[in-house]
Structures are given as structure tokens and as C-alpha cells.
């Protein structure tokens, strides 16, 4: 029996199928929504928890924001004016460094992906500029719980930035910077995004900390400690990304059925192949069909629902996969 929510969803899909213009508008509105929300969450987390304050331990974020922090650190060490060493120069550098990366995304990932990534980058720079001057974020940042506890700053900052990137990925866009390369390699390798971010960002964090030690040799221990806290930040942020982003997670579904037509029904409704093995019930000795199918995490619910409709008596197991080799279809990013 089809649930009421499924009926409504099917009616909406059928309506949008017949109204392609409206469907296109909604798709773009959805992409812009993801870009704007992700930009605001990133700017809030960065301005409130991450931006270094004199007298506190510096946290390097990695990515383009980490590169921007490095630029600000170098300018600060060179005696540049205050406006060139804070969030103003970071927001400007964040936008400038992202320009060639967005061009890379345009040619290597997808045009829609690149356009809304560029929108996200622009909004992130704007929100960071505005929020860094906001009394709201300043009140939170100067609270003793946040200001005097570096671990709290690291955890809150990594969670907000991780949620920002993951939310953008859910809309098939990115927050720019290293996220673009992580997304690109993850699509090519058909694996999780987080580990690529950790590898690339680890190098940027190390560079930032080395410059911090060089520019402050009398307080070299601060730079060393900054490395450990920054690495913790990266791990937590990327764990959040992989926990929320389901696009590149693969699941193996094993279905044991008495019917001969379940496999054709599955491959007719999902863009994946399947393997059928003939088996026998250990107790009943009745012939069985064992179907193995690998799908994306976001498709599991729909696949199981279809299996149960075709054969309510089927036995289903679901197994998370670490890596998939071979031709696995992933809907291309536009």
C-alpha cells in the first residue's frame, strides 16, 4: 500500500515533468538556497570561532580560507596596517584565490556547479565582511566560554564549517577552494570526499604553522600547538562532511527472493547493474534467487521499498562499502 507522502511526491514529480520551465526554476532556486545558507554558516563559524585574535592561539583552517589566513599573517608580520591583517583582507583574498579554482570547476566538473560555487564564494566573502563587524558575532566570540577555551572554538568552528561544506555538497555545489578539488577527485575515485580534504588541507595548515613559528621564534611553542589544534579542526570538519554528504557513499544490498522478476524490476528503475546467484533454502530446499546490487546511500530507502513491493517475503541485508572499483554510475554534476 503506497503511503500518502509517496503519493504526494509522485504527483509533484509528475506535475513537474509536464512543466519543465517550473522544474528548472525550482532547481535553480534550490541551488541558490544551498549556496546562500552554506555561505552564511561558513562566514558565521569563521568570524565567530576561527579568526585569530591577538593574545589567543591561532587556528588555521586549511583550504582557501587557510591560504587567506596565511596572507594576513605575513602582512601582519611585515607591519601592515590593521585593516590589511584582519577579516577584511581575508575576505578579499578568499574571493581572489577562488577565481581560478572556480574556472577549474567550470571546465572540469560542471557549469552549473561552477556558477553556484562562484555565487557561494561571493556570498561567503560578503557575509564574512559583514559578520566580522557585527556586534552579534563579537558578543559570542568574546564570551568567556568561547574566548578562553581553544578546544571549544576548534569544535564549534569545525562543526559549522563542516556543516557549511556538506550542505553545499547536498545541493550539488561546493564552497569553493579545496572543496572543488576534493569533490573532483572523489567523483573520479568514487569514494568519500573528506579524506582528500584532510590531505590537501594538512599541507596548508602545516605551512601556516611554520610561518607562525618563523615570525614568532620567541613563542615557537604556540605554532607547534597550533598545528595539533588545526589538525583536530580538519578531522572534525571532514568527519561532519562525510557524515552528512551521502552522494559518494556506496551501499551493497543483498536480496534473497523466490521470484524470478525482481532483478529486472530493479535494473529497470535504478541506473545500476545487479548480480544474480542461484541458491537454495537450507530448511525448505526451495530454489532462491540471491541478488547483489550496489547503490548510493541516498537510494537505499527507495531500493528497499521497491523490493518489498515486488516481494513482501524477501530477505534483505544492507552493508556499507568502503571502496568500489569498476563502473559505478553516479549522476553527473551539471
C-alpha atoms as a PDB file:
ATOM      1  CA  UNK A   1       0.000   0.000   0.000  1.00  0.00           C
ATOM      2  CA  UNK A   2       1.538   3.302  -1.090  1.00  0.00           C
ATOM      3  CA  UNK A   3       1.989   5.828   1.711  1.00  0.00           C
ATOM      4  CA  UNK A   4       0.271   9.215   1.462  1.00  0.00           C
ATOM      5  CA  UNK A   5       3.647  11.032   1.372  1.00  0.00           C
ATOM      6  CA  UNK A   6       4.780   8.847  -1.529  1.00  0.00           C
ATOM      7  CA  UNK A   7       1.582   9.600  -3.436  1.00  0.00           C
ATOM      8  CA  UNK A   8       2.075  13.338  -2.939  1.00  0.00           C
ATOM      9  CA  UNK A   9       5.709  13.075  -4.007  1.00  0.00           C
ATOM     10  CA  UNK A  10       4.727  11.161  -7.147  1.00  0.00           C
ATOM     11  CA  UNK A  11       2.038  13.720  -8.014  1.00  0.00           C
ATOM     12  CA  UNK A  12       4.543  16.561  -7.620  1.00  0.00           C
ATOM     13  CA  UNK A  13       7.121  14.755  -9.790  1.00  0.00           C
ATOM     14  CA  UNK A  14       4.515  14.067 -12.476  1.00  0.00           C
ATOM     15  CA  UNK A  15       3.402  17.711 -12.419  1.00  0.00           C
ATOM     16  CA  UNK A  16       6.966  18.996 -12.713  1.00  0.00           C
ATOM     17  CA  UNK A  17       7.672  16.526 -15.525  1.00  0.00           C
ATOM     18  CA  UNK A  18       4.916  18.211 -17.542  1.00  0.00           C
ATOM     19  CA  UNK A  19       6.084  21.721 -16.566  1.00  0.00           C
ATOM     20  CA  UNK A  20       9.787  21.768 -17.397  1.00  0.00           C
ATOM     21  CA  UNK A  21      10.096  25.551 -17.025  1.00  0.00           C
ATOM     22  CA  UNK A  22       8.832  25.479 -13.440  1.00  0.00           C
ATOM     23  CA  UNK A  23      11.071  22.498 -12.682  1.00  0.00           C
ATOM     24  CA  UNK A  24      14.109  24.404 -13.965  1.00  0.00           C
ATOM     25  CA  UNK A  25      13.233  27.461 -11.843  1.00  0.00           C
ATOM     26  CA  UNK A  26      12.854  25.309  -8.723  1.00  0.00           C
ATOM     27  CA  UNK A  27      16.164  23.551  -9.378  1.00  0.00           C
ATOM     28  CA  UNK A  28      17.990  26.879  -9.639  1.00  0.00           C
ATOM     29  CA  UNK A  29      16.186  28.222  -6.582  1.00  0.00           C
ATOM     30  CA  UNK A  30      17.254  25.130  -4.657  1.00  0.00           C
ATOM     31  CA  UNK A  31      20.887  25.569  -5.757  1.00  0.00           C
ATOM     32  CA  UNK A  32      20.881  29.249  -4.763  1.00  0.00           C
ATOM     33  CA  UNK A  33      19.322  28.372  -1.402  1.00  0.00           C
ATOM     34  CA  UNK A  34      22.097  25.846  -0.701  1.00  0.00           C
ATOM     35  CA  UNK A  35      24.752  28.351  -1.809  1.00  0.00           C
ATOM     36  CA  UNK A  36      23.389  31.148   0.393  1.00  0.00           C
ATOM     37  CA  UNK A  37      22.845  29.053   3.531  1.00  0.00           C
ATOM     38  CA  UNK A  38      26.244  27.370   3.205  1.00  0.00           C
ATOM     39  CA  UNK A  39      27.907  30.774   2.740  1.00  0.00           C
ATOM     40  CA  UNK A  40      26.246  32.231   5.828  1.00  0.00           C
ATOM     41  CA  UNK A  41      27.075  29.233   8.029  1.00  0.00           C
ATOM     42  CA  UNK A  42      30.712  29.307   6.882  1.00  0.00           C
ATOM     43  CA  UNK A  43      31.040  33.064   7.465  1.00  0.00           C
ATOM     44  CA  UNK A  44      29.405  32.810  10.893  1.00  0.00           C
ATOM     45  CA  UNK A  45      31.651  29.956  12.015  1.00  0.00           C
ATOM     46  CA  UNK A  46      34.795  31.592  10.664  1.00  0.00           C
ATOM     47  CA  UNK A  47      34.095  35.065  12.040  1.00  0.00           C
ATOM     48  CA  UNK A  48      32.950  33.807  15.429  1.00  0.00           C
ATOM     49  CA  UNK A  49      35.249  30.899  16.252  1.00  0.00           C
ATOM     50  CA  UNK A  50      38.204  30.779  13.861  1.00  0.00           C
ATOM     51  CA  UNK A  51      39.535  34.262  13.134  1.00  0.00           C
ATOM     52  CA  UNK A  52      42.712  34.699  15.207  1.00  0.00           C
ATOM     53  CA  UNK A  53      42.576  37.308  17.945  1.00  0.00           C
ATOM     54  CA  UNK A  54      45.687  38.873  19.451  1.00  0.00           C
ATOM     55  CA  UNK A  55      46.753  37.007  22.574  1.00  0.00           C
ATOM     56  CA  UNK A  56      44.866  33.823  21.661  1.00  0.00           C
ATOM     57  CA  UNK A  57      46.017  30.666  19.984  1.00  0.00           C
ATOM     58  CA  UNK A  58      45.750  30.890  16.207  1.00  0.00           C
ATOM     59  CA  UNK A  59      43.679  28.210  14.476  1.00  0.00           C
ATOM     60  CA  UNK A  60      44.451  27.539  10.806  1.00  0.00           C
ATOM     61  CA  UNK A  61      41.515  26.227   8.801  1.00  0.00           C
ATOM     62  CA  UNK A  62      43.197  24.916   5.674  1.00  0.00           C
ATOM     63  CA  UNK A  63      41.748  25.455   2.207  1.00  0.00           C
ATOM     64  CA  UNK A  64      41.475  28.888   0.641  1.00  0.00           C
ATOM     65  CA  UNK A  65      40.445  30.377   3.982  1.00  0.00           C
ATOM     66  CA  UNK A  66      43.702  28.958   5.393  1.00  0.00           C
ATOM     67  CA  UNK A  67      45.655  30.468   2.499  1.00  0.00           C
ATOM     68  CA  UNK A  68      43.916  33.776   3.216  1.00  0.00           C
ATOM     69  CA  UNK A  69      44.885  33.482   6.884  1.00  0.00           C
ATOM     70  CA  UNK A  70      48.486  32.877   5.809  1.00  0.00           C
ATOM     71  CA  UNK A  71      48.427  36.023   3.664  1.00  0.00           C
ATOM     72  CA  UNK A  72      47.068  38.033   6.613  1.00  0.00           C
ATOM     73  CA  UNK A  73      49.729  36.537   8.901  1.00  0.00           C
ATOM     74  CA  UNK A  74      52.546  37.506   6.519  1.00  0.00           C
ATOM     75  CA  UNK A  75      51.173  41.042   6.182  1.00  0.00           C
ATOM     76  CA  UNK A  76      50.852  41.323   9.956  1.00  0.00           C
ATOM     77  CA  UNK A  77      54.459  40.249  10.411  1.00  0.00           C
ATOM     78  CA  UNK A  78      55.547  42.816   7.820  1.00  0.00           C
ATOM     79  CA  UNK A  79      53.924  45.607   9.841  1.00  0.00           C
ATOM     80  CA  UNK A  80      50.954  46.194   7.538  1.00  0.00           C
ATOM     81  CA  UNK A  81      48.026  48.329   8.744  1.00  0.00           C
ATOM     82  CA  UNK A  82      45.407  46.621  10.870  1.00  0.00           C
ATOM     83  CA  UNK A  83      42.768  46.583   8.120  1.00  0.00           C
ATOM     84  CA  UNK A  84      45.147  44.519   5.986  1.00  0.00           C
ATOM     85  CA  UNK A  85      45.653  41.834   8.623  1.00  0.00           C
ATOM     86  CA  UNK A  86      42.117  41.023   9.735  1.00  0.00           C
ATOM     87  CA  UNK A  87      38.896  39.726   8.249  1.00  0.00           C
ATOM     88  CA  UNK A  88      38.841  42.445   5.564  1.00  0.00           C
ATOM     89  CA  UNK A  89      41.948  41.167   3.796  1.00  0.00           C
ATOM     90  CA  UNK A  90      40.900  37.558   4.491  1.00  0.00           C
ATOM     91  CA  UNK A  91      37.537  38.093   2.772  1.00  0.00           C
ATOM     92  CA  UNK A  92      39.256  39.780  -0.206  1.00  0.00           C
ATOM     93  CA  UNK A  93      41.948  37.081  -0.502  1.00  0.00           C
ATOM     94  CA  UNK A  94      39.298  34.380  -0.141  1.00  0.00           C
ATOM     95  CA  UNK A  95      37.464  35.743  -3.174  1.00  0.00           C
ATOM     96  CA  UNK A  96      40.573  36.374  -5.323  1.00  0.00           C
ATOM     97  CA  UNK A  97      42.177  32.964  -4.735  1.00  0.00           C
ATOM     98  CA  UNK A  98      38.887  31.245  -5.546  1.00  0.00           C
ATOM     99  CA  UNK A  99      38.641  32.792  -9.026  1.00  0.00           C
ATOM    100  CA  UNK A 100      40.993  30.333 -10.823  1.00  0.00           C
ATOM    101  CA  UNK A 101      39.523  27.453  -8.809  1.00  0.00           C
ATOM    102  CA  UNK A 102      36.013  28.303  -9.996  1.00  0.00           C
ATOM    103  CA  UNK A 103      37.335  28.359 -13.575  1.00  0.00           C
ATOM    104  CA  UNK A 104      38.768  24.878 -12.994  1.00  0.00           C
ATOM    105  CA  UNK A 105      35.347  23.751 -11.744  1.00  0.00           C
ATOM    106  CA  UNK A 106      33.672  25.247 -14.816  1.00  0.00           C
ATOM    107  CA  UNK A 107      35.750  23.171 -17.237  1.00  0.00           C
ATOM    108  CA  UNK A 108      36.378  20.014 -15.191  1.00  0.00           C
ATOM    109  CA  UNK A 109      33.299  19.478 -13.019  1.00  0.00           C
ATOM    110  CA  UNK A 110      30.236  21.224 -14.423  1.00  0.00           C
ATOM    111  CA  UNK A 111      28.933  24.640 -15.473  1.00  0.00           C
ATOM    112  CA  UNK A 112      26.034  24.763 -13.014  1.00  0.00           C
ATOM    113  CA  UNK A 113      28.347  23.508 -10.262  1.00  0.00           C
ATOM    114  CA  UNK A 114      30.870  26.270 -11.045  1.00  0.00           C
ATOM    115  CA  UNK A 115      28.295  29.066 -11.288  1.00  0.00           C
ATOM    116  CA  UNK A 116      26.706  28.355  -7.925  1.00  0.00           C
ATOM    117  CA  UNK A 117      30.093  27.706  -6.354  1.00  0.00           C
ATOM    118  CA  UNK A 118      31.058  31.210  -7.524  1.00  0.00           C
ATOM    119  CA  UNK A 119      27.835  32.572  -6.006  1.00  0.00           C
ATOM    120  CA  UNK A 120      28.675  30.814  -2.746  1.00  0.00           C
ATOM    121  CA  UNK A 121      32.205  32.254  -2.738  1.00  0.00           C
ATOM    122  CA  UNK A 122      30.915  35.774  -3.370  1.00  0.00           C
ATOM    123  CA  UNK A 123      28.298  35.497  -0.645  1.00  0.00           C
ATOM    124  CA  UNK A 124      30.839  33.978   1.768  1.00  0.00           C
ATOM    125  CA  UNK A 125      33.155  36.944   1.273  1.00  0.00           C
ATOM    126  CA  UNK A 126      30.267  39.385   1.721  1.00  0.00           C
ATOM    127  CA  UNK A 127      28.881  37.661   4.825  1.00  0.00           C
ATOM    128  CA  UNK A 128      32.362  37.373   6.352  1.00  0.00           C
ATOM    129  CA  UNK A 129      32.933  41.098   5.806  1.00  0.00           C
ATOM    130  CA  UNK A 130      29.571  41.964   7.388  1.00  0.00           C
ATOM    131  CA  UNK A 131      29.611  39.459  10.256  1.00  0.00           C
ATOM    132  CA  UNK A 132      33.141  40.395  11.298  1.00  0.00           C
ATOM    133  CA  UNK A 133      31.725  43.854  12.059  1.00  0.00           C
ATOM    134  CA  UNK A 134      28.578  42.540  13.695  1.00  0.00           C
ATOM    135  CA  UNK A 135      28.015  43.008  17.396  1.00  0.00           C
ATOM    136  CA  UNK A 136      26.175  39.682  17.450  1.00  0.00           C
ATOM    137  CA  UNK A 137      29.216  37.608  16.430  1.00  0.00           C
ATOM    138  CA  UNK A 138      31.526  39.767  18.560  1.00  0.00           C
ATOM    139  CA  UNK A 139      29.377  39.085  21.642  1.00  0.00           C
ATOM    140  CA  UNK A 140      29.579  35.336  21.069  1.00  0.00           C
ATOM    141  CA  UNK A 141      33.305  35.399  20.252  1.00  0.00           C
ATOM    142  CA  UNK A 142      34.118  37.417  23.397  1.00  0.00           C
ATOM    143  CA  UNK A 143      32.111  35.196  25.703  1.00  0.00           C
ATOM    144  CA  UNK A 144      34.479  33.616  28.223  1.00  0.00           C
ATOM    145  CA  UNK A 145      33.331  30.102  27.304  1.00  0.00           C
ATOM    146  CA  UNK A 146      34.456  30.703  23.711  1.00  0.00           C
ATOM    147  CA  UNK A 147      37.318  33.143  24.197  1.00  0.00           C
ATOM    148  CA  UNK A 148      39.176  31.310  26.947  1.00  0.00           C
ATOM    149  CA  UNK A 149      38.712  27.730  25.706  1.00  0.00           C
ATOM    150  CA  UNK A 150      40.528  26.961  22.474  1.00  0.00           C
ATOM    151  CA  UNK A 151      39.088  23.456  22.259  1.00  0.00           C
ATOM    152  CA  UNK A 152      35.554  24.875  22.272  1.00  0.00           C
ATOM    153  CA  UNK A 153      36.489  27.263  19.449  1.00  0.00           C
ATOM    154  CA  UNK A 154      38.014  24.405  17.460  1.00  0.00           C
ATOM    155  CA  UNK A 155      34.988  22.135  17.865  1.00  0.00           C
ATOM    156  CA  UNK A 156      32.351  24.801  17.183  1.00  0.00           C
ATOM    157  CA  UNK A 157      34.342  26.219  14.276  1.00  0.00           C
ATOM    158  CA  UNK A 158      34.962  22.833  12.651  1.00  0.00           C
ATOM    159  CA  UNK A 159      31.335  21.776  13.039  1.00  0.00           C
ATOM    160  CA  UNK A 160      29.938  24.971  11.470  1.00  0.00           C
ATOM    161  CA  UNK A 161      32.416  24.927   8.577  1.00  0.00           C
ATOM    162  CA  UNK A 162      31.854  21.188   8.064  1.00  0.00           C
ATOM    163  CA  UNK A 163      28.083  21.674   8.007  1.00  0.00           C
ATOM    164  CA  UNK A 164      28.573  24.507   5.513  1.00  0.00           C
ATOM    165  CA  UNK A 165      30.560  22.356   3.062  1.00  0.00           C
ATOM    166  CA  UNK A 166      28.283  19.340   3.495  1.00  0.00           C
ATOM    167  CA  UNK A 167      25.140  21.419   2.948  1.00  0.00           C
ATOM    168  CA  UNK A 168      26.651  22.828  -0.236  1.00  0.00           C
ATOM    169  CA  UNK A 169      27.517  19.306  -1.438  1.00  0.00           C
ATOM    170  CA  UNK A 170      23.921  18.229  -0.841  1.00  0.00           C
ATOM    171  CA  UNK A 171      22.891  20.857  -3.390  1.00  0.00           C
ATOM    172  CA  UNK A 172      25.483  19.552  -5.890  1.00  0.00           C
ATOM    173  CA  UNK A 173      27.612  22.660  -5.458  1.00  0.00           C
ATOM    174  CA  UNK A 174      30.612  23.450  -3.253  1.00  0.00           C
ATOM    175  CA  UNK A 175      32.025  26.177  -1.046  1.00  0.00           C
ATOM    176  CA  UNK A 176      34.886  26.710  -3.469  1.00  0.00           C
ATOM    177  CA  UNK A 177      38.573  26.356  -2.682  1.00  0.00           C
ATOM    178  CA  UNK A 178      39.859  22.910  -1.792  1.00  0.00           C
ATOM    179  CA  UNK A 179      36.272  21.620  -1.712  1.00  0.00           C
ATOM    180  CA  UNK A 180      36.272  21.813  -5.521  1.00  0.00           C
ATOM    181  CA  UNK A 181      39.365  19.607  -5.843  1.00  0.00           C
ATOM    182  CA  UNK A 182      38.104  17.219  -3.151  1.00  0.00           C
ATOM    183  CA  UNK A 183      34.790  16.922  -4.984  1.00  0.00           C
ATOM    184  CA  UNK A 184      36.554  16.435  -8.336  1.00  0.00           C
ATOM    185  CA  UNK A 185      38.842  13.655  -7.086  1.00  0.00           C
ATOM    186  CA  UNK A 186      36.059  11.974  -5.099  1.00  0.00           C
ATOM    187  CA  UNK A 187      33.919  11.772  -8.241  1.00  0.00           C
ATOM    188  CA  UNK A 188      36.800  10.293 -10.224  1.00  0.00           C
ATOM    189  CA  UNK A 189      37.731   7.823  -7.478  1.00  0.00           C
ATOM    190  CA  UNK A 190      34.129   7.107  -6.382  1.00  0.00           C
ATOM    191  CA  UNK A 191      34.973   7.408  -2.695  1.00  0.00           C
ATOM    192  CA  UNK A 192      34.438   9.746   0.252  1.00  0.00           C
ATOM    193  CA  UNK A 193      35.288  13.423  -0.035  1.00  0.00           C
ATOM    194  CA  UNK A 194      36.633  14.014   3.464  1.00  0.00           C
ATOM    195  CA  UNK A 195      39.969  12.197   3.140  1.00  0.00           C
ATOM    196  CA  UNK A 196      41.033  14.326   0.170  1.00  0.00           C
ATOM    197  CA  UNK A 197      40.271  17.473   2.141  1.00  0.00           C
ATOM    198  CA  UNK A 198      42.382  16.217   5.042  1.00  0.00           C
ATOM    199  CA  UNK A 199      45.404  15.515   2.829  1.00  0.00           C
ATOM    200  CA  UNK A 200      45.345  18.831   0.979  1.00  0.00           C
ATOM    201  CA  UNK A 201      44.411  20.961   3.984  1.00  0.00           C
ATOM    202  CA  UNK A 202      47.046  19.298   6.156  1.00  0.00           C
ATOM    203  CA  UNK A 203      49.752  20.800   3.957  1.00  0.00           C
ATOM    204  CA  UNK A 204      48.203  24.277   4.174  1.00  0.00           C
ATOM    205  CA  UNK A 205      47.850  24.073   7.961  1.00  0.00           C
ATOM    206  CA  UNK A 206      51.471  22.972   8.309  1.00  0.00           C
ATOM    207  CA  UNK A 207      52.623  25.890   6.142  1.00  0.00           C
ATOM    208  CA  UNK A 208      50.627  28.355   8.244  1.00  0.00           C
ATOM    209  CA  UNK A 209      52.054  26.994  11.484  1.00  0.00           C
ATOM    210  CA  UNK A 210      55.637  27.049  10.153  1.00  0.00           C
ATOM    211  CA  UNK A 211      55.254  30.712   9.163  1.00  0.00           C
ATOM    212  CA  UNK A 212      53.772  31.393  12.607  1.00  0.00           C
ATOM    213  CA  UNK A 213      56.869  29.862  14.228  1.00  0.00           C
ATOM    214  CA  UNK A 214      59.258  31.745  11.934  1.00  0.00           C
ATOM    215  CA  UNK A 215      57.574  35.097  12.557  1.00  0.00           C
ATOM    216  CA  UNK A 216      57.374  34.486  16.326  1.00  0.00           C
ATOM    217  CA  UNK A 217      60.515  32.486  17.223  1.00  0.00           C
ATOM    218  CA  UNK A 218      60.292  33.500  20.891  1.00  0.00           C
ATOM    219  CA  UNK A 219      56.864  31.807  21.085  1.00  0.00           C
ATOM    220  CA  UNK A 220      57.590  28.815  18.873  1.00  0.00           C
ATOM    221  CA  UNK A 221      55.566  26.523  21.109  1.00  0.00           C
ATOM    222  CA  UNK A 222      52.405  28.417  20.078  1.00  0.00           C
ATOM    223  CA  UNK A 223      52.999  27.431  16.463  1.00  0.00           C
ATOM    224  CA  UNK A 224      53.556  23.798  17.402  1.00  0.00           C
ATOM    225  CA  UNK A 225      50.377  23.661  19.498  1.00  0.00           C
ATOM    226  CA  UNK A 226      48.506  25.423  16.676  1.00  0.00           C
ATOM    227  CA  UNK A 227      49.370  22.513  14.371  1.00  0.00           C
ATOM    228  CA  UNK A 228      47.689  19.990  16.673  1.00  0.00           C
ATOM    229  CA  UNK A 229      44.563  22.091  17.206  1.00  0.00           C
ATOM    230  CA  UNK A 230      44.340  22.869  13.479  1.00  0.00           C
ATOM    231  CA  UNK A 231      44.628  19.174  12.576  1.00  0.00           C
ATOM    232  CA  UNK A 232      41.867  18.407  15.084  1.00  0.00           C
ATOM    233  CA  UNK A 233      39.778  21.096  13.394  1.00  0.00           C
ATOM    234  CA  UNK A 234      40.339  19.463   9.989  1.00  0.00           C
ATOM    235  CA  UNK A 235      39.443  15.973  11.184  1.00  0.00           C
ATOM    236  CA  UNK A 236      36.210  17.088  12.854  1.00  0.00           C
ATOM    237  CA  UNK A 237      35.178  19.246   9.876  1.00  0.00           C
ATOM    238  CA  UNK A 238      35.768  16.417   7.402  1.00  0.00           C
ATOM    239  CA  UNK A 239      34.020  13.868   9.623  1.00  0.00           C
ATOM    240  CA  UNK A 240      30.981  16.165   9.602  1.00  0.00           C
ATOM    241  CA  UNK A 241      31.193  16.448   5.805  1.00  0.00           C
ATOM    242  CA  UNK A 242      31.333  12.686   5.285  1.00  0.00           C
ATOM    243  CA  UNK A 243      28.530  12.109   7.811  1.00  0.00           C
ATOM    244  CA  UNK A 244      26.132  14.482   6.031  1.00  0.00           C
ATOM    245  CA  UNK A 245      27.170  14.147   2.392  1.00  0.00           C
ATOM    246  CA  UNK A 246      25.765  10.860   1.029  1.00  0.00           C
ATOM    247  CA  UNK A 247      26.491  11.283  -2.670  1.00  0.00           C
ATOM    248  CA  UNK A 248      29.739   9.292  -2.733  1.00  0.00           C
ATOM    249  CA  UNK A 249      28.833   6.665  -0.144  1.00  0.00           C
ATOM    250  CA  UNK A 250      28.138   3.219  -1.547  1.00  0.00           C
ATOM    251  CA  UNK A 251      25.895   0.546  -0.081  1.00  0.00           C
ATOM    252  CA  UNK A 252      25.577  -3.099  -1.089  1.00  0.00           C
ATOM    253  CA  UNK A 253      22.085  -4.559  -0.938  1.00  0.00           C
ATOM    254  CA  UNK A 254      21.591  -8.315  -0.880  1.00  0.00           C
ATOM    255  CA  UNK A 255      18.070  -9.537  -1.533  1.00  0.00           C
ATOM    256  CA  UNK A 256      17.015 -13.178  -1.287  1.00  0.00           C
ATOM    257  CA  UNK A 257      13.762 -13.819  -3.118  1.00  0.00           C
ATOM    258  CA  UNK A 258      11.581 -16.566  -4.539  1.00  0.00           C
ATOM    259  CA  UNK A 259      10.657 -14.533  -7.611  1.00  0.00           C
ATOM    260  CA  UNK A 260      12.458 -14.521 -10.962  1.00  0.00           C
ATOM    261  CA  UNK A 261      11.468 -10.982 -11.962  1.00  0.00           C
ATOM    262  CA  UNK A 262      12.845  -8.905  -9.050  1.00  0.00           C
ATOM    263  CA  UNK A 263      16.247  -8.297 -10.684  1.00  0.00           C
ATOM    264  CA  UNK A 264      14.763  -6.978 -13.975  1.00  0.00           C
ATOM    265  CA  UNK A 265      12.471  -4.672 -11.995  1.00  0.00           C
ATOM    266  CA  UNK A 266      15.439  -3.285 -10.022  1.00  0.00           C
ATOM    267  CA  UNK A 267      17.667  -2.543 -13.018  1.00  0.00           C
ATOM    268  CA  UNK A 268      14.688  -1.012 -14.827  1.00  0.00           C
ATOM    269  CA  UNK A 269      14.174   1.509 -12.006  1.00  0.00           C
ATOM    270  CA  UNK A 270      17.780   2.270 -10.955  1.00  0.00           C
ATOM    271  CA  UNK A 271      20.854   3.057 -13.093  1.00  0.00           C
ATOM    272  CA  UNK A 272      22.896   0.210 -11.621  1.00  0.00           C
ATOM    273  CA  UNK A 273      23.601  -3.368 -12.573  1.00  0.00           C
ATOM    274  CA  UNK A 274      22.994  -6.394 -10.386  1.00  0.00           C
ATOM    275  CA  UNK A 275      24.352  -9.903  -9.961  1.00  0.00           C
ATOM    276  CA  UNK A 276      22.007 -12.872  -9.529  1.00  0.00           C
ATOM    277  CA  UNK A 277      23.144 -16.091  -7.857  1.00  0.00           C
ATOM    278  CA  UNK A 278      21.040 -19.237  -7.705  1.00  0.00           C
ATOM    279  CA  UNK A 279      20.640 -20.575  -4.185  1.00  0.00           C
ATOM    280  CA  UNK A 280      18.647 -22.986  -2.108  1.00  0.00           C
ATOM    281  CA  UNK A 281      16.845 -22.556   1.185  1.00  0.00           C
ATOM    282  CA  UNK A 282      18.671 -24.509   3.908  1.00  0.00           C
ATOM    283  CA  UNK A 283      15.434 -25.552   5.593  1.00  0.00           C
ATOM    284  CA  UNK A 284      12.866 -25.625   2.794  1.00  0.00           C
ATOM    285  CA  UNK A 285      15.295 -26.621  -0.012  1.00  0.00           C
ATOM    286  CA  UNK A 286      13.247 -24.290  -2.194  1.00  0.00           C
ATOM    287  CA  UNK A 287      15.114 -22.547  -5.051  1.00  0.00           C
ATOM    288  CA  UNK A 288      16.128 -18.970  -4.245  1.00  0.00           C
ATOM    289  CA  UNK A 289      17.497 -16.008  -6.178  1.00  0.00           C
ATOM    290  CA  UNK A 290      20.212 -14.036  -4.387  1.00  0.00           C
ATOM    291  CA  UNK A 291      20.551 -10.538  -5.852  1.00  0.00           C
ATOM    292  CA  UNK A 292      23.576  -8.330  -5.167  1.00  0.00           C
ATOM    293  CA  UNK A 293      23.254  -4.647  -6.044  1.00  0.00           C
ATOM    294  CA  UNK A 294      25.458  -1.667  -5.164  1.00  0.00           C
ATOM    295  CA  UNK A 295      23.728   1.712  -4.870  1.00  0.00           C
ATOM    296  CA  UNK A 296      24.362   5.177  -3.456  1.00  0.00           C
ATOM    297  CA  UNK A 297      23.353   5.812   0.159  1.00  0.00           C
ATOM    298  CA  UNK A 298      20.626   8.190  -0.927  1.00  0.00           C
ATOM    299  CA  UNK A 299      18.984   5.407  -2.991  1.00  0.00           C
ATOM    300  CA  UNK A 300      18.835   2.721  -0.292  1.00  0.00           C
ATOM    301  CA  UNK A 301      15.389   3.619   1.015  1.00  0.00           C
ATOM    302  CA  UNK A 302      13.862   3.625  -2.483  1.00  0.00           C
ATOM    303  CA  UNK A 303      15.518   0.332  -3.456  1.00  0.00           C
ATOM    304  CA  UNK A 304      14.317  -1.455  -0.314  1.00  0.00           C
ATOM    305  CA  UNK A 305      10.824  -0.017  -0.756  1.00  0.00           C
ATOM    306  CA  UNK A 306      10.674  -1.364  -4.313  1.00  0.00           C
ATOM    307  CA  UNK A 307      11.962  -4.798  -3.267  1.00  0.00           C
ATOM    308  CA  UNK A 308       9.311  -5.051  -0.556  1.00  0.00           C
ATOM    309  CA  UNK A 309       6.583  -4.089  -3.031  1.00  0.00           C
ATOM    310  CA  UNK A 310       7.662  -6.732  -5.551  1.00  0.00           C
ATOM    311  CA  UNK A 311       8.269  -9.448  -2.960  1.00  0.00           C
ATOM    312  CA  UNK A 312       6.991  -8.770   0.572  1.00  0.00           C
ATOM    313  CA  UNK A 313       8.572 -12.031   1.733  1.00  0.00           C
ATOM    314  CA  UNK A 314      12.088 -11.198   0.515  1.00  0.00           C
ATOM    315  CA  UNK A 315      15.041 -11.190   2.922  1.00  0.00           C
ATOM    316  CA  UNK A 316      17.230  -8.068   2.621  1.00  0.00           C
ATOM    317  CA  UNK A 317      20.610  -7.154   4.080  1.00  0.00           C
ATOM    318  CA  UNK A 318      22.339  -3.775   3.758  1.00  0.00           C
ATOM    319  CA  UNK A 319      26.120  -3.406   4.008  1.00  0.00           C
ATOM    320  CA  UNK A 320      28.174  -0.190   3.940  1.00  0.00           C
ATOM    321  CA  UNK A 321      31.115  -0.283   1.499  1.00  0.00           C
ATOM    322  CA  UNK A 322      34.474   1.435   1.899  1.00  0.00           C
ATOM    323  CA  UNK A 323      35.514   1.486  -1.758  1.00  0.00           C
ATOM    324  CA  UNK A 324      34.085   0.439  -5.110  1.00  0.00           C
ATOM    325  CA  UNK A 325      36.181  -0.458  -8.154  1.00  0.00           C
ATOM    326  CA  UNK A 326      34.675  -0.723 -11.611  1.00  0.00           C
ATOM    327  CA  UNK A 327      31.941   1.114 -13.452  1.00  0.00           C
ATOM    328  CA  UNK A 328      29.560   2.535 -10.874  1.00  0.00           C
ATOM    329  CA  UNK A 329      27.103   5.105 -12.139  1.00  0.00           C
ATOM    330  CA  UNK A 330      26.937   8.433 -10.329  1.00  0.00           C
ATOM    331  CA  UNK A 331      24.603  11.093 -11.644  1.00  0.00           C
ATOM    332  CA  UNK A 332      26.925  13.623 -13.294  1.00  0.00           C
ATOM    333  CA  UNK A 333      27.214  17.111 -11.871  1.00  0.00           C
ATOM    334  CA  UNK A 334      25.973  19.734 -14.303  1.00  0.00           C
END
